[in-house]
Amino acid sequence: MHNYKALKAVGKVSVRKQEKVNEVLNEDGSVKIHESAEELQVVCKKYDPDTGEVQDDRVSVYHLRDVKREIDRRKSEIARIQAEQAEWEQLETDLKAL
């Protein structure tokens, strides 16, 4: 999530668990299955940029496995960039030694 840490620091974003209820109906319209699960949500405060009027919050659902995958992807990117940086630094060192 872009700018989560900064938005959290100023109280414009929060996280919550929300119970999600699914109902599956029988052909006669009666409830066949009543399922309940918790959703992990990020709630972003929204305001009209012209008037400052409060608007409906934007709610996004997150799954921990997806968040973990994004963290792992960023770590991999960092490792790749650090390796590239080391290559350039070695080249710089060698060129300066001439």
Foldseek 3Di string as FASTA:
>chain_A
DPCPVVCVVVPFKDKDKDKDWDFDADPVGHTDDIDIDIWIKMWGWDADPVPRHTDHIDIDTDDPVVVVVVVVVVVVVVVVVVVVVVVVVVVVVVVVVD
